[in-house]
């Protein structure tokens, strides 16, 4: 049977009762960039980092797993962009570069704060896609 877009649903049953459900849906075309931080509040400690996942998403917010889009990262505020990458074994150009290409719809950026409190704003732009923007709050460490 040839590939067709749609939905695949798996239902786990135990003694005839539904115990788990997993649904996989086909994504549409990439429509925007979404930024997801592992933490949106970090301390003003040079060893504290925020790991940002960069995702190419469709109009419904689903990650587009075959998207390979160029994304320009711009950082302003109280920190710096210290690393980027996309896990592709064939794309060394995206390593530690502010212009990165998604691999399987995703890439990553790592932010490091300066030694004072404030905000770090990361903007991710890709031609023809909705821009992603994320703010990471930098607070003073507790004594």
C-alpha atoms as a PDB file:
ATOM      1  CA  UNK A   1       0.000   0.000   0.000  1.00  0.00           C
ATOM      2  CA  UNK A   2       1.480   3.395  -0.938  1.00  0.00           C
ATOM      3  CA  UNK A   3       2.020   6.090   1.687  1.00  0.00           C
ATOM      4  CA  UNK A   4      -1.053   8.140   2.546  1.00  0.00           C
ATOM      5  CA  UNK A   5      -1.285  10.968   5.085  1.00  0.00           C
ATOM      6  CA  UNK A   6      -3.615  10.445   8.006  1.00  0.00           C
ATOM      7  CA  UNK A   7      -3.769   9.143  11.546  1.00  0.00           C
ATOM      8  CA  UNK A   8      -2.494   5.954  13.150  1.00  0.00           C
ATOM      9  CA  UNK A   9      -3.995   4.980  16.498  1.00  0.00           C
ATOM     10  CA  UNK A  10      -2.753   2.190  18.758  1.00  0.00           C
ATOM     11  CA  UNK A  11      -4.815   1.078  21.742  1.00  0.00           C
ATOM     12  CA  UNK A  12      -3.396  -1.111  24.515  1.00  0.00           C
ATOM     13  CA  UNK A  13      -5.867  -3.442  26.203  1.00  0.00           C
ATOM     14  CA  UNK A  14      -5.532  -5.390  29.403  1.00  0.00           C
ATOM     15  CA  UNK A  15      -8.283  -7.910  30.146  1.00  0.00           C
ATOM     16  CA  UNK A  16     -10.485  -6.138  27.625  1.00  0.00           C
ATOM     17  CA  UNK A  17     -10.019  -2.693  29.180  1.00  0.00           C
ATOM     18  CA  UNK A  18      -8.225   0.167  27.482  1.00  0.00           C
ATOM     19  CA  UNK A  19      -5.002   0.972  29.380  1.00  0.00           C
ATOM     20  CA  UNK A  20      -3.182   3.289  26.963  1.00  0.00           C
ATOM     21  CA  UNK A  21      -3.659   5.073  23.651  1.00  0.00           C
ATOM     22  CA  UNK A  22      -1.049   6.490  21.302  1.00  0.00           C
ATOM     23  CA  UNK A  23      -1.982   8.539  18.232  1.00  0.00           C
ATOM     24  CA  UNK A  24       0.400   9.543  15.450  1.00  0.00           C
ATOM     25  CA  UNK A  25      -0.768  12.099  12.877  1.00  0.00           C
ATOM     26  CA  UNK A  26       0.771  13.277   9.656  1.00  0.00           C
ATOM     27  CA  UNK A  27       2.024  16.833   9.898  1.00  0.00           C
ATOM     28  CA  UNK A  28       1.440  19.450   7.236  1.00  0.00           C
ATOM     29  CA  UNK A  29       3.988  21.765   5.629  1.00  0.00           C
ATOM     30  CA  UNK A  30       6.251  23.841   7.863  1.00  0.00           C
ATOM     31  CA  UNK A  31       4.489  27.105   8.760  1.00  0.00           C
ATOM     32  CA  UNK A  32       6.486  28.457  11.696  1.00  0.00           C
ATOM     33  CA  UNK A  33       9.359  28.146  14.112  1.00  0.00           C
ATOM     34  CA  UNK A  34       8.709  27.251  17.759  1.00  0.00           C
ATOM     35  CA  UNK A  35      11.287  27.663  20.516  1.00  0.00           C
ATOM     36  CA  UNK A  36      11.045  25.463  23.615  1.00  0.00           C
ATOM     37  CA  UNK A  37      13.352  26.019  26.598  1.00  0.00           C
ATOM     38  CA  UNK A  38      14.257  23.344  29.111  1.00  0.00           C
ATOM     39  CA  UNK A  39      14.107  26.200  31.671  1.00  0.00           C
ATOM     40  CA  UNK A  40      12.836  29.758  31.197  1.00  0.00           C
ATOM     41  CA  UNK A  41      14.399  30.957  34.450  1.00  0.00           C
ATOM     42  CA  UNK A  42      18.115  30.554  35.112  1.00  0.00           C
ATOM     43  CA  UNK A  43      20.584  32.076  37.553  1.00  0.00           C
ATOM     44  CA  UNK A  44      23.102  34.800  36.696  1.00  0.00           C
ATOM     45  CA  UNK A  45      25.840  32.213  37.051  1.00  0.00           C
ATOM     46  CA  UNK A  46      28.088  31.666  34.015  1.00  0.00           C
ATOM     47  CA  UNK A  47      27.740  27.901  34.578  1.00  0.00           C
ATOM     48  CA  UNK A  48      23.925  27.971  34.403  1.00  0.00           C
ATOM     49  CA  UNK A  49      22.589  27.268  30.910  1.00  0.00           C
ATOM     50  CA  UNK A  50      19.265  27.165  29.085  1.00  0.00           C
ATOM     51  CA  UNK A  51      18.892  24.549  26.326  1.00  0.00           C
ATOM     52  CA  UNK A  52      16.507  25.671  23.587  1.00  0.00           C
ATOM     53  CA  UNK A  53      14.880  23.248  21.137  1.00  0.00           C
ATOM     54  CA  UNK A  54      14.178  24.849  17.768  1.00  0.00           C
ATOM     55  CA  UNK A  55      11.235  23.199  16.000  1.00  0.00           C
ATOM     56  CA  UNK A  56       9.794  23.612  12.506  1.00  0.00           C
ATOM     57  CA  UNK A  57       6.041  23.237  13.039  1.00  0.00           C
ATOM     58  CA  UNK A  58       2.961  23.097  10.824  1.00  0.00           C
ATOM     59  CA  UNK A  59      -0.098  25.364  11.169  1.00  0.00           C
ATOM     60  CA  UNK A  60      -1.427  23.066  13.931  1.00  0.00           C
ATOM     61  CA  UNK A  61       1.782  23.190  15.984  1.00  0.00           C
ATOM     62  CA  UNK A  62       2.954  19.696  15.043  1.00  0.00           C
ATOM     63  CA  UNK A  63       6.675  19.192  14.421  1.00  0.00           C
ATOM     64  CA  UNK A  64       7.348  18.569  10.724  1.00  0.00           C
ATOM     65  CA  UNK A  65       9.761  15.601  10.876  1.00  0.00           C
ATOM     66  CA  UNK A  66      11.154  16.019   7.370  1.00  0.00           C
ATOM     67  CA  UNK A  67      11.661  19.798   7.567  1.00  0.00           C
ATOM     68  CA  UNK A  68      15.159  21.001   6.757  1.00  0.00           C
ATOM     69  CA  UNK A  69      14.796  24.774   6.987  1.00  0.00           C
ATOM     70  CA  UNK A  70      17.446  27.428   7.558  1.00  0.00           C
ATOM     71  CA  UNK A  71      16.860  29.391  10.742  1.00  0.00           C
ATOM     72  CA  UNK A  72      18.614  32.633  11.660  1.00  0.00           C
ATOM     73  CA  UNK A  73      19.074  33.070  15.413  1.00  0.00           C
ATOM     74  CA  UNK A  74      19.328  36.530  16.977  1.00  0.00           C
ATOM     75  CA  UNK A  75      20.006  36.987  20.677  1.00  0.00           C
ATOM     76  CA  UNK A  76      19.579  40.186  22.669  1.00  0.00           C
ATOM     77  CA  UNK A  77      19.741  41.008  26.348  1.00  0.00           C
ATOM     78  CA  UNK A  78      21.590  39.603  29.297  1.00  0.00           C
ATOM     79  CA  UNK A  79      23.331  36.566  27.819  1.00  0.00           C
ATOM     80  CA  UNK A  80      25.023  34.929  24.878  1.00  0.00           C
ATOM     81  CA  UNK A  81      24.511  32.143  22.386  1.00  0.00           C
ATOM     82  CA  UNK A  82      27.263  29.645  23.215  1.00  0.00           C
ATOM     83  CA  UNK A  83      26.376  26.680  21.005  1.00  0.00           C
ATOM     84  CA  UNK A  84      24.088  25.471  18.225  1.00  0.00           C
ATOM     85  CA  UNK A  85      23.639  22.162  16.477  1.00  0.00           C
ATOM     86  CA  UNK A  86      21.136  19.853  14.829  1.00  0.00           C
ATOM     87  CA  UNK A  87      22.388  16.247  15.289  1.00  0.00           C
ATOM     88  CA  UNK A  88      22.838  15.721  11.547  1.00  0.00           C
ATOM     89  CA  UNK A  89      25.967  13.676  10.832  1.00  0.00           C
ATOM     90  CA  UNK A  90      26.262  15.468   7.467  1.00  0.00           C
ATOM     91  CA  UNK A  91      25.837  19.118   8.491  1.00  0.00           C
ATOM     92  CA  UNK A  92      28.829  20.611  10.251  1.00  0.00           C
ATOM     93  CA  UNK A  93      27.870  24.122   9.032  1.00  0.00           C
ATOM     94  CA  UNK A  94      25.132  24.328  11.694  1.00  0.00           C
ATOM     95  CA  UNK A  95      27.533  23.656  14.570  1.00  0.00           C
ATOM     96  CA  UNK A  96      28.082  26.832  16.605  1.00  0.00           C
ATOM     97  CA  UNK A  97      26.641  29.028  13.871  1.00  0.00           C
ATOM     98  CA  UNK A  98      23.823  31.609  14.318  1.00  0.00           C
ATOM     99  CA  UNK A  99      22.334  30.352  11.031  1.00  0.00           C
ATOM    100  CA  UNK A 100      21.322  26.753  11.569  1.00  0.00           C
ATOM    101  CA  UNK A 101      19.428  24.175   9.509  1.00  0.00           C
ATOM    102  CA  UNK A 102      16.840  21.943  11.148  1.00  0.00           C
ATOM    103  CA  UNK A 103      17.376  18.182  10.942  1.00  0.00           C
ATOM    104  CA  UNK A 104      14.259  16.029  11.157  1.00  0.00           C
ATOM    105  CA  UNK A 105      12.424  19.252  11.998  1.00  0.00           C
ATOM    106  CA  UNK A 106      14.587  20.194  14.985  1.00  0.00           C
ATOM    107  CA  UNK A 107      17.786  21.896  16.081  1.00  0.00           C
ATOM    108  CA  UNK A 108      19.206  23.187  19.369  1.00  0.00           C
ATOM    109  CA  UNK A 109      20.716  26.354  20.805  1.00  0.00           C
ATOM    110  CA  UNK A 110      22.355  26.832  24.200  1.00  0.00           C
ATOM    111  CA  UNK A 111      22.185  30.159  26.049  1.00  0.00           C
ATOM    112  CA  UNK A 112      24.505  31.310  28.834  1.00  0.00           C
ATOM    113  CA  UNK A 113      23.696  34.324  31.044  1.00  0.00           C
ATOM    114  CA  UNK A 114      25.989  37.175  31.919  1.00  0.00           C
ATOM    115  CA  UNK A 115      26.739  37.715  35.614  1.00  0.00           C
ATOM    116  CA  UNK A 116      23.804  40.069  36.263  1.00  0.00           C
ATOM    117  CA  UNK A 117      20.037  39.667  36.427  1.00  0.00           C
ATOM    118  CA  UNK A 118      17.884  40.510  33.403  1.00  0.00           C
ATOM    119  CA  UNK A 119      16.327  38.868  30.368  1.00  0.00           C
ATOM    120  CA  UNK A 120      17.677  37.017  27.333  1.00  0.00           C
ATOM    121  CA  UNK A 121      15.544  37.140  24.189  1.00  0.00           C
ATOM    122  CA  UNK A 122      16.121  34.613  21.411  1.00  0.00           C
ATOM    123  CA  UNK A 123      14.493  35.169  18.033  1.00  0.00           C
ATOM    124  CA  UNK A 124      14.402  32.488  15.308  1.00  0.00           C
ATOM    125  CA  UNK A 125      13.559  33.535  11.753  1.00  0.00           C
ATOM    126  CA  UNK A 126      13.135  31.450   8.612  1.00  0.00           C
ATOM    127  CA  UNK A 127      12.005  32.743   5.237  1.00  0.00           C
ATOM    128  CA  UNK A 128       8.292  32.198   4.685  1.00  0.00           C
ATOM    129  CA  UNK A 129       7.688  30.889   8.230  1.00  0.00           C
ATOM    130  CA  UNK A 130       6.290  32.537  11.343  1.00  0.00           C
ATOM    131  CA  UNK A 131       9.093  33.784  13.594  1.00  0.00           C
ATOM    132  CA  UNK A 132       9.676  32.110  16.949  1.00  0.00           C
ATOM    133  CA  UNK A 133      10.648  34.156  19.988  1.00  0.00           C
ATOM    134  CA  UNK A 134      11.468  33.149  23.545  1.00  0.00           C
ATOM    135  CA  UNK A 135      12.447  35.062  26.687  1.00  0.00           C
ATOM    136  CA  UNK A 136      14.633  33.473  29.376  1.00  0.00           C
ATOM    137  CA  UNK A 137      14.656  35.245  32.743  1.00  0.00           C
ATOM    138  CA  UNK A 138      18.016  35.591  34.481  1.00  0.00           C
ATOM    139  CA  UNK A 139      17.772  35.941  38.271  1.00  0.00           C
ATOM    140  CA  UNK A 140      20.386  36.430  40.965  1.00  0.00           C
ATOM    141  CA  UNK A 141      21.466  33.174  42.628  1.00  0.00           C
ATOM    142  CA  UNK A 142      20.345  32.511  46.180  1.00  0.00           C
ATOM    143  CA  UNK A 143      23.027  32.940  48.828  1.00  0.00           C
END
